[in-house]
Amino acid sequence: MKLKTSITVLTGCLVIFLFIMLPIILSVQDKKDEYVASITGSSFSLKDVDNNKITEKSFQGPATALFFGFTNCPDVCPITLNKLTLIIDELKKEKKTLKVFFISIDPERDTTNVMKDYLSSFENKIIGITGKSEEIFTLSKSWGIKSQKIFSDSGSYTVDHSSPVLLLKDGKYADRITHHDNLEESLKIIKKIL
């Protein structure tokens, strides 16, 4: 009799839990769908560090990664770019490719030469893009990236920014990874797109 009562109580608790949690789960899913729908990218024309013209057509292909950051970033950007270099190497072993673009959100300091020098540390496997502040801002906003200059008392600044790596398939948003994901998780997500 005690077992039957325990099972009944547990079943009741489970039903109540599901009743309470289902709207929350659906709400989170709706927000994720909203986020995905809001990041469609925009038309643009910029130059990479080798002076090649880059447009939204450059993002076409089986798998492309976009990462918005800046060369003076103390931690997240170099960690993420290093991780992307490791991912490129791992995919190459399986004869798969991932095009990676690093788009500066600090174009005032990140000139073509600064970006080129910075990206040489990552074996030049990543395509650097910089340009006019307004164009970069419009492009980053169209992909759902937020950024803001934070000034110190001395007048120097850093840039606070959202830092997902956006994964595209045929130029359209497919998924994202972050610097928090471990390498295996990130590779699994990218291979699904490939």
Protein backbone atom coordinates (compact mmCIF):
# COMPACT_ATOMS: atom_id res chain seq x y z
CA MET A 1 0.00 0.00 0.00
CA LYS A 2 2.84 2.40 0.84
CA LEU A 3 4.46 1.78 -2.57
CA LYS A 4 1.20 2.57 -4.39
CA THR A 5 0.81 5.80 -2.38
CA SER A 6 4.42 6.80 -3.10
CA ILE A 7 3.99 6.20 -6.83
CA THR A 8 0.75 8.22 -6.83
CA VAL A 9 2.42 11.13 -5.00
CA LEU A 10 5.45 11.05 -7.32
CA THR A 11 3.21 10.95 -10.40
CA GLY A 12 1.22 13.89 -9.05
CA CYS A 13 4.43 15.86 -8.41
CA LEU A 14 5.66 15.09 -11.91
CA VAL A 15 2.40 16.30 -13.48
CA ILE A 16 2.52 19.52 -11.44
CA PHE A 17 6.19 20.05 -12.36
CA LEU A 18 5.45 19.59 -16.07
CA PHE A 19 2.42 21.88 -15.81
CA ILE A 20 4.60 24.62 -14.31
CA MET A 21 7.70 24.09 -16.47
CA LEU A 22 6.11 23.58 -19.90
CA PRO A 23 5.24 27.27 -20.44
CA ILE A 24 8.76 28.25 -19.33
CA ILE A 25 10.39 25.76 -21.72
CA LEU A 26 8.17 26.91 -24.60
CA SER A 27 8.94 30.55 -23.77
CA VAL A 28 12.70 29.91 -23.94
CA GLN A 29 12.26 28.10 -27.26
CA ASP A 30 10.26 31.06 -28.64
CA LYS A 31 13.03 33.45 -27.57
CA LYS A 32 15.64 31.26 -29.29
CA ASP A 33 13.53 31.23 -32.47
CA GLU A 34 13.14 35.03 -32.21
CA TYR A 35 16.92 35.39 -31.89
CA VAL A 36 17.55 33.17 -34.89
CA ALA A 37 14.98 35.06 -36.96
CA SER A 38 16.52 38.40 -35.99
CA ILE A 39 19.99 37.61 -37.28
CA THR A 40 19.82 37.62 -41.01
CA GLY A 41 22.80 39.76 -41.88
CA SER A 42 22.73 42.70 -44.27
CA SER A 43 24.17 43.67 -47.61
CA PHE A 44 27.62 45.20 -47.28
CA SER A 45 30.89 45.81 -49.06
CA LEU A 46 34.14 45.85 -47.09
CA LYS A 47 37.75 44.81 -47.68
CA ASP A 48 39.74 42.07 -46.01
CA VAL A 49 43.30 42.63 -44.79
CA ASP A 50 44.65 41.66 -48.22
CA ASN A 51 42.46 44.32 -49.88
CA ASN A 52 40.05 41.76 -51.38
CA LYS A 53 36.44 42.86 -51.64
CA ILE A 54 34.19 41.10 -49.10
CA THR A 55 30.39 41.12 -49.43
CA GLU A 56 27.57 39.00 -48.05
CA LYS A 57 28.29 36.63 -50.99
CA SER A 58 31.67 35.89 -49.38
CA PHE A 59 29.79 34.16 -46.56
CA GLN A 60 28.32 31.57 -48.96
CA GLY A 61 29.54 27.99 -48.76
CA PRO A 62 29.00 24.77 -46.83
CA ALA A 63 30.14 26.27 -43.52
CA THR A 64 31.27 29.76 -42.55
CA ALA A 65 32.03 31.17 -39.12
CA LEU A 66 31.74 34.87 -38.23
CA PHE A 67 33.41 36.24 -35.12
CA PHE A 68 33.18 39.92 -34.20
CA GLY A 69 35.96 41.13 -31.91
CA PHE A 70 39.01 43.39 -31.74
CA THR A 71 42.77 43.05 -31.57
CA ASN A 72 43.16 44.78 -28.19
CA CYS A 73 40.77 42.30 -26.57
CA PRO A 74 42.57 40.87 -23.54
CA ASP A 75 40.96 37.44 -23.30
CA VAL A 76 37.82 36.31 -25.15
CA CYS A 77 38.99 37.19 -28.67
CA PRO A 78 42.40 35.47 -28.58
CA ILE A 79 40.89 32.42 -26.84
CA THR A 80 38.12 32.19 -29.45
CA LEU A 81 40.45 32.70 -32.41
CA ASN A 82 42.84 30.07 -31.07
CA LYS A 83 39.92 27.67 -30.70
CA LEU A 84 38.79 28.39 -34.26
CA THR A 85 42.33 27.66 -35.51
CA LEU A 86 42.23 24.29 -33.72
CA ILE A 87 38.80 23.58 -35.25
CA ILE A 88 40.09 24.39 -38.75
CA ASP A 89 43.00 21.96 -38.19
CA GLU A 90 40.72 19.19 -36.90
CA LEU A 91 38.31 19.58 -39.83
CA LYS A 92 41.20 19.56 -42.30
CA LYS A 93 42.13 16.06 -41.05
CA GLU A 94 38.70 14.93 -42.28
CA LYS A 95 39.06 16.90 -45.54
CA LYS A 96 36.40 19.38 -44.43
CA THR A 97 36.71 23.14 -44.46
CA LEU A 98 35.34 26.01 -42.41
CA LYS A 99 35.75 29.56 -43.69
CA VAL A 100 36.40 31.85 -40.72
CA PHE A 101 36.01 35.65 -40.73
CA PHE A 102 37.20 37.87 -37.88
CA ILE A 103 35.39 41.20 -38.16
CA SER A 104 36.78 44.08 -36.12
CA ILE A 105 34.32 46.01 -33.96
CA ASP A 106 37.11 48.52 -33.25
CA PRO A 107 38.04 49.66 -36.77
CA GLU A 108 39.53 52.95 -35.50
CA ARG A 109 42.46 51.04 -33.98
CA ASP A 110 42.23 47.88 -36.06
CA THR A 111 43.69 49.09 -39.33
CA THR A 112 44.42 46.66 -42.13
CA ASN A 113 48.07 46.34 -41.06
CA VAL A 114 47.20 45.87 -37.37
CA MET A 115 44.66 43.15 -38.23
CA LYS A 116 47.04 41.42 -40.64
CA ASP A 117 49.83 41.36 -38.06
CA TYR A 118 47.46 40.16 -35.31
CA LEU A 119 45.99 37.35 -37.40
CA SER A 120 49.44 36.11 -38.44
CA SER A 121 49.64 34.66 -34.89
CA PHE A 122 46.81 32.33 -35.90
CA GLU A 123 48.72 30.99 -38.92
CA ASN A 124 46.71 33.23 -41.29
CA LYS A 125 43.86 30.72 -41.36
CA ILE A 126 41.36 33.44 -40.45
CA ILE A 127 40.21 36.20 -42.81
CA GLY A 128 40.34 39.62 -41.17
CA ILE A 129 37.83 42.34 -42.05
CA THR A 130 37.91 45.98 -41.04
CA GLY A 131 36.46 49.17 -42.49
CA LYS A 132 34.56 52.33 -41.66
CA SER A 133 32.97 52.40 -38.20
CA GLU A 134 29.44 52.99 -39.54
CA GLU A 135 29.64 50.06 -41.97
CA ILE A 136 31.06 47.71 -39.33
CA PHE A 137 28.38 48.81 -36.84
CA THR A 138 25.59 48.16 -39.38
CA LEU A 139 27.02 44.74 -40.25
CA SER A 140 27.51 43.68 -36.62
CA LYS A 141 24.02 44.88 -35.65
CA SER A 142 22.47 42.94 -38.54
CA TRP A 143 23.98 39.76 -37.08
CA GLY A 144 22.74 40.50 -33.55
CA ILE A 145 26.14 41.54 -32.16
CA LYS A 146 26.17 44.24 -29.50
CA SER A 147 29.21 46.35 -28.73
CA GLN A 148 30.00 49.41 -26.65
CA LYS A 149 33.15 51.38 -25.94
CA ILE A 150 34.03 51.55 -22.24
CA PHE A 151 36.32 54.46 -21.39
CA SER A 152 38.70 54.59 -18.43
CA ASP A 153 39.59 57.73 -16.46
CA SER A 154 42.78 58.03 -18.50
CA GLY A 155 40.80 58.29 -21.74
CA SER A 156 41.80 54.89 -23.10
CA TYR A 157 39.04 52.44 -23.92
CA THR A 158 38.12 48.84 -24.37
CA VAL A 159 35.14 47.43 -26.24
CA ASP A 160 32.53 45.37 -24.44
CA HIS A 161 30.91 43.05 -26.96
CA SER A 162 28.79 39.95 -27.36
CA SER A 163 31.02 37.12 -28.48
CA PRO A 164 29.25 34.19 -30.13
CA VAL A 165 30.79 32.58 -33.18
CA LEU A 166 27.97 32.63 -35.71
CA LEU A 167 27.86 29.57 -37.94
CA LEU A 168 26.39 29.98 -41.41
CA LYS A 169 25.39 27.49 -44.06
CA ASP A 170 25.06 28.94 -47.54
CA GLY A 171 25.23 32.42 -46.04
CA LYS A 172 22.34 31.89 -43.63
CA TYR A 173 22.49 31.53 -39.86
CA ALA A 174 22.59 27.84 -38.86
CA ASP A 175 23.89 27.76 -35.25
CA ARG A 176 26.48 29.24 -32.95
CA ILE A 177 29.28 28.25 -30.64
CA THR A 178 31.03 30.18 -27.88
CA HIS A 179 34.44 30.25 -26.25
CA HIS A 180 32.79 28.47 -23.28
CA ASP A 181 32.05 25.31 -25.32
CA ASN A 182 34.76 22.71 -25.28
CA LEU A 183 36.43 21.80 -28.57
CA GLU A 184 34.52 18.53 -28.98
CA GLU A 185 31.13 20.23 -28.49
CA SER A 186 32.00 22.92 -31.00
CA LEU A 187 33.21 20.38 -33.57
CA LYS A 188 30.01 18.37 -33.15
CA ILE A 189 27.87 21.46 -33.83
CA ILE A 190 29.94 22.44 -36.87
CA LYS A 191 29.93 18.92 -38.33
CA LYS A 192 26.12 18.91 -38.19
CA ILE A 193 26.16 21.94 -40.49
CA LEU A 194 28.72 20.35 -42.82
